PDB file of all heavy atoms in Angstrom:
ATOM      1  N   ARG A   1     105.400 107.183 100.150  1.00  0.00           N
ATOM      2  CA  ARG A   1     106.210 106.917 101.417  1.00  0.00           C
ATOM      3  C   ARG A   1     106.848 105.536 101.245  1.00  0.00           C
ATOM      4  O   ARG A   1     107.923 105.363 101.726  1.00  0.00           O
ATOM      5  CB  ARG A   1     105.285 106.946 102.649  1.00  0.00           C
ATOM      6  CG  ARG A   1     106.109 106.916 103.955  1.00  0.00           C
ATOM      7  CD  ARG A   1     105.327 107.589 105.030  1.00  0.00           C
ATOM      8  NE  ARG A   1     106.214 107.909 106.059  1.00  0.00           N
ATOM      9  CZ  ARG A   1     106.920 109.070 106.227  1.00  0.00           C
ATOM     10  NH1 ARG A   1     106.627 109.972 105.270  1.00  0.00           N
ATOM     11  NH2 ARG A   1     107.608 109.365 107.249  1.00  0.00           N
ATOM     12  N   MET A   2     106.223 104.513 100.713  1.00  0.00           N
ATOM     13  CA  MET A   2     106.877 103.126 100.449  1.00  0.00           C
ATOM     14  C   MET A   2     108.000 103.233  99.604  1.00  0.00           C
ATOM     15  O   MET A   2     108.990 102.545  99.782  1.00  0.00           O
ATOM     16  CB  MET A   2     105.778 102.154  99.979  1.00  0.00           C
ATOM     17  CG  MET A   2     106.338 100.686 100.175  1.00  0.00           C
ATOM     18  SD  MET A   2     106.754 100.208 101.803  1.00  0.00           S
ATOM     19  CE  MET A   2     108.082  99.169 101.584  1.00  0.00           C
ATOM     20  N   GLN A   3     107.978 104.110  98.541  1.00  0.00           N
ATOM     21  CA  GLN A   3     109.177 104.214  97.713  1.00  0.00           C
ATOM     22  C   GLN A   3     110.374 104.784  98.587  1.00  0.00           C
ATOM     23  O   GLN A   3     111.463 104.311  98.372  1.00  0.00           O
ATOM     24  CB  GLN A   3     108.832 105.276  96.597  1.00  0.00           C
ATOM     25  CG  GLN A   3     107.912 104.725  95.612  1.00  0.00           C
ATOM     26  CD  GLN A   3     106.527 104.962  95.649  1.00  0.00           C
ATOM     27  OE1 GLN A   3     106.052 104.950  96.726  1.00  0.00           O
ATOM     28  NE2 GLN A   3     105.796 105.414  94.612  1.00  0.00           N
ATOM     29  N   MET A   4     110.090 105.785  99.433  1.00  0.00           N
ATOM     30  CA  MET A   4     111.052 106.362 100.236  1.00  0.00           C
ATOM     31  C   MET A   4     111.673 105.282 101.252  1.00  0.00           C
ATOM     32  O   MET A   4     112.859 105.219 101.455  1.00  0.00           O
ATOM     33  CB  MET A   4     110.537 107.555 101.021  1.00  0.00           C
ATOM     34  CG  MET A   4     111.537 108.233 101.968  1.00  0.00           C
ATOM     35  SD  MET A   4     111.558 107.526 103.630  1.00  0.00           S
ATOM     36  CE  MET A   4     109.931 108.057 104.213  1.00  0.00           C
ATOM     37  N   LEU A   5     110.837 104.526 101.874  1.00  0.00           N
ATOM     38  CA  LEU A   5     111.229 103.503 102.771  1.00  0.00           C
ATOM     39  C   LEU A   5     112.131 102.445 101.998  1.00  0.00           C
ATOM     40  O   LEU A   5     113.031 101.930 102.632  1.00  0.00           O
ATOM     41  CB  LEU A   5     110.106 102.879 103.519  1.00  0.00           C
ATOM     42  CG  LEU A   5     109.303 103.823 104.506  1.00  0.00           C
ATOM     43  CD1 LEU A   5     108.077 103.099 105.035  1.00  0.00           C
ATOM     44  CD2 LEU A   5     110.217 104.204 105.586  1.00  0.00           C
ATOM     45  N   SER A   6     111.661 102.174 100.826  1.00  0.00           N
ATOM     46  CA  SER A   6     112.418 101.052 100.058  1.00  0.00           C
ATOM     47  C   SER A   6     113.827 101.569  99.872  1.00  0.00           C
ATOM     48  O   SER A   6     114.775 100.735 100.049  1.00  0.00           O
ATOM     49  CB  SER A   6     111.689 100.924  98.772  1.00  0.00           C
ATOM     50  OG  SER A   6     110.492 100.315  98.898  1.00  0.00           O
ATOM     51  N   LYS A   7     114.050 102.875  99.484  1.00  0.00           N
ATOM     52  CA  LYS A   7     115.333 103.324  99.212  1.00  0.00           C
ATOM     53  C   LYS A   7     116.158 103.454 100.636  1.00  0.00           C
ATOM     54  O   LYS A   7     117.325 103.259 100.672  1.00  0.00           O
ATOM     55  CB  LYS A   7     115.287 104.734  98.564  1.00  0.00           C
ATOM     56  CG  LYS A   7     114.701 104.648  97.216  1.00  0.00           C
ATOM     57  CD  LYS A   7     114.499 106.020  96.605  1.00  0.00           C
ATOM     58  CE  LYS A   7     113.869 105.907  95.250  1.00  0.00           C
ATOM     59  NZ  LYS A   7     113.597 107.223  94.563  1.00  0.00           N
ATOM     60  N   ALA A   8     115.467 103.904 101.669  1.00  0.00           N
ATOM     61  CA  ALA A   8     116.226 104.047 102.975  1.00  0.00           C
ATOM     62  C   ALA A   8     116.664 102.676 103.495  1.00  0.00           C
ATOM     63  O   ALA A   8     117.724 102.623 104.126  1.00  0.00           O
ATOM     64  CB  ALA A   8     115.285 104.776 103.916  1.00  0.00           C
ATOM     65  N   ALA A   9     115.814 101.712 103.269  1.00  0.00           N
ATOM     66  CA  ALA A   9     116.150 100.417 103.749  1.00  0.00           C
ATOM     67  C   ALA A   9     117.058  99.577 102.688  1.00  0.00           C
ATOM     68  O   ALA A   9     117.352  98.384 103.007  1.00  0.00           O
ATOM     69  CB  ALA A   9     114.894  99.575 104.044  1.00  0.00           C
ATOM     70  N   LYS A  10     117.339 100.199 101.585  1.00  0.00           N
ATOM     71  CA  LYS A  10     118.181  99.591 100.525  1.00  0.00           C
ATOM     72  C   LYS A  10     117.624  98.216 100.127  1.00  0.00           C
ATOM     73  O   LYS A  10     118.347  97.286 100.058  1.00  0.00           O
ATOM     74  CB  LYS A  10     119.599  99.362 101.104  1.00  0.00           C
ATOM     75  CG  LYS A  10     120.327 100.786 101.242  1.00  0.00           C
ATOM     76  CD  LYS A  10     121.790 100.489 101.790  1.00  0.00           C
ATOM     77  CE  LYS A  10     122.545 101.822 101.836  1.00  0.00           C
ATOM     78  NZ  LYS A  10     122.011 102.810 102.840  1.00  0.00           N
ATOM     79  N   LEU A  11     116.200  98.184  99.877  1.00  0.00           N
ATOM     80  CA  LEU A  11     115.658  97.027  99.389  1.00  0.00           C
ATOM     81  C   LEU A  11     116.129  96.743  97.920  1.00  0.00           C
ATOM     82  O   LEU A  11     116.541  97.687  97.310  1.00  0.00           O
ATOM     83  CB  LEU A  11     114.130  97.084  99.403  1.00  0.00           C
ATOM     84  CG  LEU A  11     113.502  97.328 100.848  1.00  0.00           C
ATOM     85  CD1 LEU A  11     112.015  97.384 100.649  1.00  0.00           C
ATOM     86  CD2 LEU A  11     114.028  96.263 101.838  1.00  0.00           C
ATOM     87  N   SER A  12     115.938  95.588  97.437  1.00  0.00           N
ATOM     88  CA  SER A  12     116.338  95.165  96.141  1.00  0.00           C
ATOM     89  C   SER A  12     115.467  95.924  95.034  1.00  0.00           C
ATOM     90  O   SER A  12     115.932  96.044  93.881  1.00  0.00           O
ATOM     91  CB  SER A  12     116.284  93.645  95.933  1.00  0.00           C
ATOM     92  OG  SER A  12     115.039  93.235  96.076  1.00  0.00           O
ATOM     93  N   LYS A  13     114.282  96.238  95.432  1.00  0.00           N
ATOM     94  CA  LYS A  13     113.416  96.946  94.472  1.00  0.00           C
ATOM     95  C   LYS A  13     112.711  98.132  95.199  1.00  0.00           C
ATOM     96  O   LYS A  13     112.713  98.148  96.463  1.00  0.00           O
ATOM     97  CB  LYS A  13     112.270  96.090  94.009  1.00  0.00           C
ATOM     98  CG  LYS A  13     112.793  94.833  93.205  1.00  0.00           C
ATOM     99  CD  LYS A  13     111.668  93.964  92.663  1.00  0.00           C
ATOM    100  CE  LYS A  13     112.193  92.736  92.050  1.00  0.00           C
ATOM    101  NZ  LYS A  13     111.060  91.852  91.579  1.00  0.00           N
ATOM    102  N   THR A  14     112.184  99.089  94.435  1.00  0.00           N
ATOM    103  CA  THR A  14     111.452 100.213  94.981  1.00  0.00           C
ATOM    104  C   THR A  14     109.981  99.879  94.893  1.00  0.00           C
ATOM    105  O   THR A  14     109.390  99.753  93.882  1.00  0.00           O
ATOM    106  CB  THR A  14     111.692 101.453  94.248  1.00  0.00           C
ATOM    107  OG1 THR A  14     113.131 101.747  94.353  1.00  0.00           O
ATOM    108  CG2 THR A  14     110.896 102.671  94.811  1.00  0.00           C
ATOM    109  N   TYR A  15     109.322  99.660  96.104  1.00  0.00           N
ATOM    110  CA  TYR A  15     107.993  99.286  96.215  1.00  0.00           C
ATOM    111  C   TYR A  15     106.992 100.382  96.372  1.00  0.00           C
ATOM    112  O   TYR A  15     107.482 101.470  96.802  1.00  0.00           O
ATOM    113  CB  TYR A  15     107.682  98.186  97.255  1.00  0.00           C
ATOM    114  CG  TYR A  15     108.548  96.885  97.035  1.00  0.00           C
ATOM    115  CD1 TYR A  15     109.687  96.587  97.735  1.00  0.00           C
ATOM    116  CD2 TYR A  15     108.099  95.956  96.003  1.00  0.00           C
ATOM    117  CE1 TYR A  15     110.249  95.393  97.521  1.00  0.00           C
ATOM    118  CE2 TYR A  15     108.674  94.880  95.707  1.00  0.00           C
ATOM    119  CZ  TYR A  15     109.886  94.508  96.468  1.00  0.00           C
ATOM    120  OH  TYR A  15     110.508  93.338  96.266  1.00  0.00           O
ATOM    121  N   THR A  16     105.819 100.207  96.065  1.00  0.00           N
ATOM    122  CA  THR A  16     104.759 101.294  96.174  1.00  0.00           C
ATOM    123  C   THR A  16     103.847 101.039  97.337  1.00  0.00           C
ATOM    124  O   THR A  16     103.954  99.898  97.869  1.00  0.00           O
ATOM    125  CB  THR A  16     103.895 101.345  94.972  1.00  0.00           C
ATOM    126  OG1 THR A  16     103.186 100.120  94.755  1.00  0.00           O
ATOM    127  CG2 THR A  16     104.761 101.531  93.613  1.00  0.00           C
ATOM    128  N   ASN A  17     103.047 101.945  97.699  1.00  0.00           N
ATOM    129  CA  ASN A  17     102.102 101.775  98.815  1.00  0.00           C
ATOM    130  C   ASN A  17     101.129 100.585  98.492  1.00  0.00           C
ATOM    131  O   ASN A  17     100.676  99.859  99.403  1.00  0.00           O
ATOM    132  CB  ASN A  17     101.231 103.021  98.998  1.00  0.00           C
ATOM    133  CG  ASN A  17     102.089 104.147  99.588  1.00  0.00           C
ATOM    134  OD1 ASN A  17     103.249 104.052  99.751  1.00  0.00           O
ATOM    135  ND2 ASN A  17     101.401 105.241  99.780  1.00  0.00           N
ATOM    136  N   HIS A  18     100.812 100.429  97.248  1.00  0.00           N
ATOM    137  CA  HIS A  18      99.916  99.313  96.843  1.00  0.00           C
ATOM    138  C   HIS A  18     100.475  97.911  97.285  1.00  0.00           C
ATOM    139  O   HIS A  18      99.650  96.986  97.568  1.00  0.00           O
ATOM    140  CB  HIS A  18      99.643  99.370  95.421  1.00  0.00           C
ATOM    141  CG  HIS A  18      98.819  98.220  94.838  1.00  0.00           C
ATOM    142  ND1 HIS A  18      97.520  98.209  95.017  1.00  0.00           N
ATOM    143  CD2 HIS A  18      99.186  97.076  94.211  1.00  0.00           C
ATOM    144  CE1 HIS A  18      96.898  97.073  94.503  1.00  0.00           C
ATOM    145  NE2 HIS A  18      97.947  96.424  93.950  1.00  0.00           N
ATOM    146  N   CYS A  19     101.765  97.764  97.290  1.00  0.00           N
ATOM    147  CA  CYS A  19     102.362  96.528  97.589  1.00  0.00           C
ATOM    148  C   CYS A  19     102.102  96.034  99.005  1.00  0.00           C
ATOM    149  O   CYS A  19     101.925  94.913  99.256  1.00  0.00           O
ATOM    150  CB  CYS A  19     103.951  96.566  97.443  1.00  0.00           C
ATOM    151  SG  CYS A  19     104.419  96.607  95.676  1.00  0.00           S
ATOM    152  N   ILE A  20     101.917  96.987  99.931  1.00  0.00           N
ATOM    153  CA  ILE A  20     101.618  96.646 101.310  1.00  0.00           C
ATOM    154  C   ILE A  20     100.368  96.009 101.457  1.00  0.00           C
ATOM    155  O   ILE A  20     100.277  94.871 102.104  1.00  0.00           O
ATOM    156  CB  ILE A  20     101.718  97.929 102.219  1.00  0.00           C
ATOM    157  CG1 ILE A  20     103.012  98.758 102.038  1.00  0.00           C
ATOM    158  CG2 ILE A  20     101.572  97.540 103.694  1.00  0.00           C
ATOM    159  CD1 ILE A  20     103.036  99.968 102.655  1.00  0.00           C
ATOM    160  N   GLY A  21      99.280  96.590 100.844  1.00  0.00           N
ATOM    161  CA  GLY A  21      98.002  95.990 100.869  1.00  0.00           C
ATOM    162  C   GLY A  21      97.962  94.635 100.113  1.00  0.00           C
ATOM    163  O   GLY A  21      97.222  93.682 100.505  1.00  0.00           O
ATOM    164  N   ALA A  22      98.746  94.568  99.056  1.00  0.00           N
ATOM    165  CA  ALA A  22      98.821  93.325  98.252  1.00  0.00           C
ATOM    166  C   ALA A  22      99.380  92.116  99.162  1.00  0.00           C
ATOM    167  O   ALA A  22      98.943  91.052  99.023  1.00  0.00           O
ATOM    168  CB  ALA A  22      99.633  93.480  97.079  1.00  0.00           C
ATOM    169  N   VAL A  23     100.407  92.401 100.068  1.00  0.00           N
ATOM    170  CA  VAL A  23     101.026  91.487 100.904  1.00  0.00           C
ATOM    171  C   VAL A  23      99.937  91.081 101.966  1.00  0.00           C
ATOM    172  O   VAL A  23      99.827  89.899 102.257  1.00  0.00           O
ATOM    173  CB  VAL A  23     102.187  92.029 101.457  1.00  0.00           C
ATOM    174  CG1 VAL A  23     102.701  91.074 102.688  1.00  0.00           C
ATOM    175  CG2 VAL A  23     103.292  92.182 100.498  1.00  0.00           C
ATOM    176  N   SER A  24      99.258  92.051 102.377  1.00  0.00           N
ATOM    177  CA  SER A  24      98.147  91.717 103.339  1.00  0.00           C
ATOM    178  C   SER A  24      97.121  90.796 102.803  1.00  0.00           C
ATOM    179  O   SER A  24      96.698  89.851 103.461  1.00  0.00           O
ATOM    180  CB  SER A  24      97.573  93.049 103.885  1.00  0.00           C
ATOM    181  OG  SER A  24      96.563  92.815 104.809  1.00  0.00           O
ATOM    182  N   ILE A  25      96.699  91.055 101.613  1.00  0.00           N
ATOM    183  CA  ILE A  25      95.672  90.162 100.877  1.00  0.00           C
ATOM    184  C   ILE A  25      96.331  88.783 100.707  1.00  0.00           C
ATOM    185  O   ILE A  25      95.603  87.737 100.919  1.00  0.00           O
ATOM    186  CB  ILE A  25      95.286  90.750  99.604  1.00  0.00           C
ATOM    187  CG1 ILE A  25      94.481  92.090  99.787  1.00  0.00           C
ATOM    188  CG2 ILE A  25      94.594  89.797  98.721  1.00  0.00           C
ATOM    189  CD1 ILE A  25      94.180  92.922  98.627  1.00  0.00           C
ATOM    190  N   ALA A  26      97.553  88.648 100.328  1.00  0.00           N
ATOM    191  CA  ALA A  26      98.166  87.411 100.055  1.00  0.00           C
ATOM    192  C   ALA A  26      98.307  86.585 101.433  1.00  0.00           C
ATOM    193  O   ALA A  26      98.201  85.355 101.413  1.00  0.00           O
ATOM    194  CB  ALA A  26      99.662  87.597  99.482  1.00  0.00           C
ATOM    195  N   THR A  27      98.601  87.367 102.425  1.00  0.00           N
ATOM    196  CA  THR A  27      98.749  86.720 103.795  1.00  0.00           C
ATOM    197  C   THR A  27      97.330  86.210 104.281  1.00  0.00           C
ATOM    198  O   THR A  27      97.278  85.082 104.759  1.00  0.00           O
ATOM    199  CB  THR A  27      99.148  87.700 104.823  1.00  0.00           C
ATOM    200  OG1 THR A  27     100.430  88.326 104.492  1.00  0.00           O
ATOM    201  CG2 THR A  27      99.395  87.033 106.262  1.00  0.00           C
ATOM    202  N   LEU A  28      96.309  86.857 104.093  1.00  0.00           N
ATOM    203  CA  LEU A  28      94.944  86.404 104.403  1.00  0.00           C
ATOM    204  C   LEU A  28      94.636  85.190 103.511  1.00  0.00           C
ATOM    205  O   LEU A  28      93.988  84.249 104.091  1.00  0.00           O
ATOM    206  CB  LEU A  28      93.908  87.529 104.159  1.00  0.00           C
ATOM    207  CG  LEU A  28      93.903  88.691 105.211  1.00  0.00           C
ATOM    208  CD1 LEU A  28      93.078  89.770 104.620  1.00  0.00           C
ATOM    209  CD2 LEU A  28      93.285  88.130 106.458  1.00  0.00           C
ATOM    210  N   ASN A  29      94.954  85.176 102.307  1.00  0.00           N
ATOM    211  CA  ASN A  29      94.665  84.146 101.446  1.00  0.00           C
ATOM    212  C   ASN A  29      95.412  82.868 101.802  1.00  0.00           C
ATOM    213  O   ASN A  29      94.887  81.739 101.798  1.00  0.00           O
ATOM    214  CB  ASN A  29      95.058  84.518  99.973  1.00  0.00           C
ATOM    215  CG  ASN A  29      94.654  83.399  98.958  1.00  0.00           C
ATOM    216  OD1 ASN A  29      93.491  83.028  99.037  1.00  0.00           O
ATOM    217  ND2 ASN A  29      95.433  83.157  98.098  1.00  0.00           N
ATOM    218  N   SER A  30      96.656  83.018 102.315  1.00  0.00           N
ATOM    219  CA  SER A  30      97.438  81.822 102.683  1.00  0.00           C
ATOM    220  C   SER A  30      96.891  81.250 103.993  1.00  0.00           C
ATOM    221  O   SER A  30      97.054  79.944 104.288  1.00  0.00           O
ATOM    222  CB  SER A  30      98.885  82.264 102.908  1.00  0.00           C
ATOM    223  OG  SER A  30      99.015  83.132 104.041  1.00  0.00           O
ATOM    224  N   ILE A  31      96.310  82.109 104.838  1.00  0.00           N
ATOM    225  CA  ILE A  31      95.784  81.574 106.135  1.00  0.00           C
ATOM    226  C   ILE A  31      94.382  80.971 105.963  1.00  0.00           C
ATOM    227  O   ILE A  31      94.046  79.869 106.404  1.00  0.00           O
ATOM    228  CB  ILE A  31      95.753  82.751 107.107  1.00  0.00           C
ATOM    229  CG1 ILE A  31      97.151  83.236 107.523  1.00  0.00           C
ATOM    230  CG2 ILE A  31      95.011  82.352 108.380  1.00  0.00           C
ATOM    231  CD1 ILE A  31      97.093  84.524 108.326  1.00  0.00           C
ATOM    232  N   ALA A  32      93.536  81.746 105.315  1.00  0.00           N
ATOM    233  CA  ALA A  32      92.061  81.286 105.296  1.00  0.00           C
ATOM    234  C   ALA A  32      91.517  81.070 103.894  1.00  0.00           C
ATOM    235  O   ALA A  32      90.396  80.726 103.795  1.00  0.00           O
ATOM    236  CB  ALA A  32      91.299  82.385 106.010  1.00  0.00           C
ATOM    237  N   GLY A  33      92.330  81.341 102.963  1.00  0.00           N
ATOM    238  CA  GLY A  33      91.885  81.152 101.542  1.00  0.00           C
ATOM    239  C   GLY A  33      90.828  82.117 101.076  1.00  0.00           C
ATOM    240  O   GLY A  33      89.936  81.859 100.195  1.00  0.00           O
ATOM    241  N   ILE A  34      90.903  83.367 101.732  1.00  0.00           N
ATOM    242  CA  ILE A  34      89.820  84.462 101.422  1.00  0.00           C
ATOM    243  C   ILE A  34      90.356  85.509 100.609  1.00  0.00           C
ATOM    244  O   ILE A  34      89.661  86.498 100.288  1.00  0.00           O
ATOM    245  CB  ILE A  34      89.168  85.025 102.662  1.00  0.00           C
ATOM    246  CG1 ILE A  34      90.225  85.734 103.529  1.00  0.00           C
ATOM    247  CG2 ILE A  34      88.462  83.839 103.451  1.00  0.00           C
ATOM    248  CD1 ILE A  34      89.588  86.376 104.723  1.00  0.00           C
ATOM    249  N   GLY A  35      91.701  85.536 100.347  1.00  0.00           N
ATOM    250  CA  GLY A  35      92.372  86.666  99.662  1.00  0.00           C
ATOM    251  C   GLY A  35      91.777  86.848  98.266  1.00  0.00           C
ATOM    252  O   GLY A  35      91.624  88.055  97.858  1.00  0.00           O
ATOM    253  N   THR A  36      91.362  85.840  97.508  1.00  0.00           N
ATOM    254  CA  THR A  36      90.885  85.969  96.242  1.00  0.00           C
ATOM    255  C   THR A  36      89.569  86.773  96.203  1.00  0.00           C
ATOM    256  O   THR A  36      89.154  87.261  95.217  1.00  0.00           O
ATOM    257  CB  THR A  36      90.660  84.650  95.563  1.00  0.00           C
ATOM    258  OG1 THR A  36      89.899  83.854  96.405  1.00  0.00           O
ATOM    259  CG2 THR A  36      91.978  83.959  95.379  1.00  0.00           C
ATOM    260  N   LYS A  37      88.884  86.819  97.394  1.00  0.00           N
ATOM    261  CA  LYS A  37      87.646  87.578  97.480  1.00  0.00           C
ATOM    262  C   LYS A  37      87.816  89.101  97.606  1.00  0.00           C
ATOM    263  O   LYS A  37      86.935  89.921  97.349  1.00  0.00           O
ATOM    264  CB  LYS A  37      86.744  87.077  98.641  1.00  0.00           C
ATOM    265  CG  LYS A  37      86.397  85.630  98.466  1.00  0.00           C
ATOM    266  CD  LYS A  37      85.571  85.135  99.649  1.00  0.00           C
ATOM    267  CE  LYS A  37      85.124  83.733  99.594  1.00  0.00           C
ATOM    268  NZ  LYS A  37      84.303  83.305 100.821  1.00  0.00           N
ATOM    269  N   LEU A  38      89.086  89.421  98.080  1.00  0.00           N
ATOM    270  CA  LEU A  38      89.398  90.804  98.338  1.00  0.00           C
ATOM    271  C   LEU A  38      90.102  91.514  97.172  1.00  0.00           C
ATOM    272  O   LEU A  38      90.002  92.730  97.024  1.00  0.00           O
ATOM    273  CB  LEU A  38      90.251  90.854  99.615  1.00  0.00           C
ATOM    274  CG  LEU A  38      89.625  90.248 100.877  1.00  0.00           C
ATOM    275  CD1 LEU A  38      90.649  90.410 101.999  1.00  0.00           C
ATOM    276  CD2 LEU A  38      88.376  91.055 101.222  1.00  0.00           C
ATOM    277  N   GLY A  39      90.898  90.679  96.433  1.00  0.00           N
ATOM    278  CA  GLY A  39      91.544  91.300  95.250  1.00  0.00           C
ATOM    279  C   GLY A  39      92.569  90.341  94.735  1.00  0.00           C
ATOM    280  O   GLY A  39      92.664  89.274  95.052  1.00  0.00           O
ATOM    281  N   SER A  40      93.487  90.863  93.857  1.00  0.00           N
ATOM    282  CA  SER A  40      94.445  90.083  93.282  1.00  0.00           C
ATOM    283  C   SER A  40      95.543  89.721  94.301  1.00  0.00           C
ATOM    284  O   SER A  40      95.789  90.597  95.168  1.00  0.00           O
ATOM    285  CB  SER A  40      95.028  90.726  92.052  1.00  0.00           C
ATOM    286  OG  SER A  40      95.604  91.997  92.337  1.00  0.00           O
TER     287      SER A  40
END
């Protein structure tokens, strides 16, 4: 689904579902410094 949305929104790259969770982890890390405990 994220690949489909990437194309529909004409993003510069075609992203995968995994990227959404990765952004969430990075956001948590930037706020509380806990993202490294959850994943890369």
